[in-house]
Each structure stands twice: as C-alpha cells, then as structure tokens.
C-alpha cells in the first residue's frame, strides 16, 4: 500500500469512530427520554427511577467525553499530518466545521473570496 491508501484507511476509521460515538450519544439520549416518558406514562413517581436515570445520564456524559476525546484525536492527527509534510487529504465524507457554517439554517454564508 502506498501512503495515500494508508492515510485514507486511517481517516476512514477515524470518521467511522466519530460516527459511532455520535450514534451512541443519540441512542443514550433516546434511552433517557424513553425512561422519563415511560415513567410518566405508567404514572410512576420520579423518585422510583432516580438511580437508573442518573446512571443513564452518567452514560450520556461519558459518551460526551468520548466525543471530545475523538475530536481532539482528530485535531492531533491533522497536526501530525502537517508536521510530516504530507499536505492535505480530504478522505472523509462528513461535513467539516467550515462546511457546517454553510449548512446551518438562517446562516448567511459569506465566502471570503469574491469574483471581480
């Protein structure tokens, strides 16, 4: 394998990991919501589900910390990549923060370059 194939493989694993963490956060948040909705639907006191709900929310906090860690890993890998003089690779399909500004509703994206 050449360098491009190796870097692309690593980048694809990184993006897959980021997506998996995001999916886990979504599932954990849905579980917390289901716990609350289920308790209300069954007319169970909030006191009865406090311990399990707290544990579910701790899980959500831990997943949030994991997301911060993988994003930091991504940033460090970008720095390493530049330090090695390998230029820029765009192997991922996910929107990057600079692209996100263009996609947010109500955001009037102003490009830095203008046609003259």
Protein backbone atom coordinates (compact mmCIF):
# COMPACT_ATOMS: atom_id res chain seq x y z
CA UNK A 1 0.00 0.00 0.00
CA UNK A 2 1.19 3.49 -0.70
CA UNK A 3 0.99 6.36 1.77
CA UNK A 4 -2.28 7.72 0.34
CA UNK A 5 -4.02 4.38 0.79
CA UNK A 6 -2.77 4.03 4.38
CA UNK A 7 -3.77 7.59 5.31
CA UNK A 8 -7.17 7.14 3.67
CA UNK A 9 -7.72 3.90 5.59
CA UNK A 10 -6.86 5.59 8.89
CA UNK A 11 -9.08 8.58 8.05
CA UNK A 12 -11.99 6.28 7.22
CA UNK A 13 -11.60 4.51 10.58
CA UNK A 14 -11.46 7.88 12.35
CA UNK A 15 -14.66 9.05 10.66
CA UNK A 16 -16.36 5.73 11.42
CA UNK A 17 -15.37 6.07 15.07
CA UNK A 18 -16.69 9.62 15.24
CA UNK A 19 -19.96 8.49 13.68
CA UNK A 20 -20.24 5.53 16.07
CA UNK A 21 -19.78 7.80 19.09
CA UNK A 22 -22.38 10.22 17.74
CA UNK A 23 -24.78 7.31 17.18
CA UNK A 24 -24.16 6.06 20.72
CA UNK A 25 -24.92 9.53 22.09
CA UNK A 26 -28.17 9.61 20.10
CA UNK A 27 -29.19 6.18 21.40
CA UNK A 28 -28.31 7.06 25.01
CA UNK A 29 -30.27 10.32 24.78
CA UNK A 30 -33.25 8.42 23.35
CA UNK A 31 -32.99 5.96 26.22
CA UNK A 32 -33.09 8.78 28.81
CA UNK A 33 -36.10 10.22 27.01
CA UNK A 34 -37.78 6.80 26.99
CA UNK A 35 -37.12 6.36 30.71
CA UNK A 36 -38.80 9.67 31.51
CA UNK A 37 -41.68 9.16 29.08
CA UNK A 38 -42.22 5.59 30.29
CA UNK A 39 -42.25 6.62 33.92
CA UNK A 40 -44.78 9.35 33.15
CA UNK A 41 -46.92 7.03 31.03
CA UNK A 42 -47.06 4.48 33.85
CA UNK A 43 -47.65 7.19 36.48
CA UNK A 44 -44.57 6.13 38.42
CA UNK A 45 -43.05 8.58 40.86
CA UNK A 46 -39.88 10.36 39.76
CA UNK A 47 -38.28 9.12 42.96
CA UNK A 48 -38.65 5.50 41.84
CA UNK A 49 -36.48 5.95 38.76
CA UNK A 50 -33.89 8.35 40.09
CA UNK A 51 -30.97 5.93 40.36
CA UNK A 52 -31.41 4.37 36.93
CA UNK A 53 -31.99 7.74 35.27
CA UNK A 54 -28.86 9.11 36.94
CA UNK A 55 -26.83 6.18 35.62
CA UNK A 56 -28.23 6.71 32.12
CA UNK A 57 -27.29 10.39 32.28
CA UNK A 58 -23.81 9.48 33.52
CA UNK A 59 -23.52 7.29 30.44
CA UNK A 60 -24.51 10.24 28.28
CA UNK A 61 -21.85 12.40 29.98
CA UNK A 62 -19.22 9.69 29.45
CA UNK A 63 -20.13 9.46 25.77
CA UNK A 64 -19.84 13.23 25.52
CA UNK A 65 -16.35 12.99 27.00
CA UNK A 66 -15.54 10.25 24.48
CA UNK A 67 -16.70 12.52 21.66
CA UNK A 68 -14.46 15.32 22.90
CA UNK A 69 -11.56 12.86 23.03
CA UNK A 70 -12.05 11.57 19.48
CA UNK A 71 -12.39 15.12 18.16
CA UNK A 72 -9.14 16.01 19.94
CA UNK A 73 -7.54 12.91 18.44
CA UNK A 74 -8.68 14.09 15.00
CA UNK A 75 -7.12 17.52 15.58
CA UNK A 76 -3.84 15.98 16.74
CA UNK A 77 -3.76 13.66 13.74
CA UNK A 78 -4.21 16.69 11.46
CA UNK A 79 -1.26 18.40 13.17
CA UNK A 80 0.87 15.27 12.83
CA UNK A 81 -0.07 15.01 9.19
CA UNK A 82 1.01 18.60 8.51
CA UNK A 83 4.22 18.19 10.54
CA UNK A 84 5.17 15.27 8.33
CA UNK A 85 4.70 17.48 5.29
CA UNK A 86 2.08 15.27 3.71
CA UNK A 87 -0.21 18.08 2.59
CA UNK A 88 -3.97 17.95 2.81
CA UNK A 89 -6.15 14.89 2.39
CA UNK A 90 -9.91 15.02 2.16
CA UNK A 91 -10.82 11.37 2.56
CA UNK A 92 -13.87 11.85 4.72
CA UNK A 93 -17.43 12.33 3.62
CA UNK A 94 -18.56 14.12 6.74
CA UNK A 95 -19.11 17.88 6.75
CA UNK A 96 -16.28 19.78 8.36
CA UNK A 97 -16.84 22.80 10.65
CA UNK A 98 -16.04 25.20 7.81
CA UNK A 99 -18.68 23.45 5.71
CA UNK A 100 -21.15 23.42 8.58
CA UNK A 101 -21.37 27.22 8.56
CA UNK A 102 -22.76 26.99 5.04
CA UNK A 103 -25.37 24.40 6.01
CA UNK A 104 -26.92 25.87 9.15
CA UNK A 105 -30.43 27.25 8.62
CA UNK A 106 -30.59 31.02 8.71
CA UNK A 107 -26.84 31.34 8.33
CA UNK A 108 -26.00 33.67 5.51
CA UNK A 109 -22.68 32.33 4.39
CA UNK A 110 -20.33 34.96 3.03
CA UNK A 111 -17.38 33.46 1.15
CA UNK A 112 -14.02 35.09 1.77
CA UNK A 113 -13.24 35.30 -1.92
CA UNK A 114 -15.28 37.36 -4.33
CA UNK A 115 -15.40 37.43 -8.09
CA UNK A 116 -14.03 40.63 -9.57
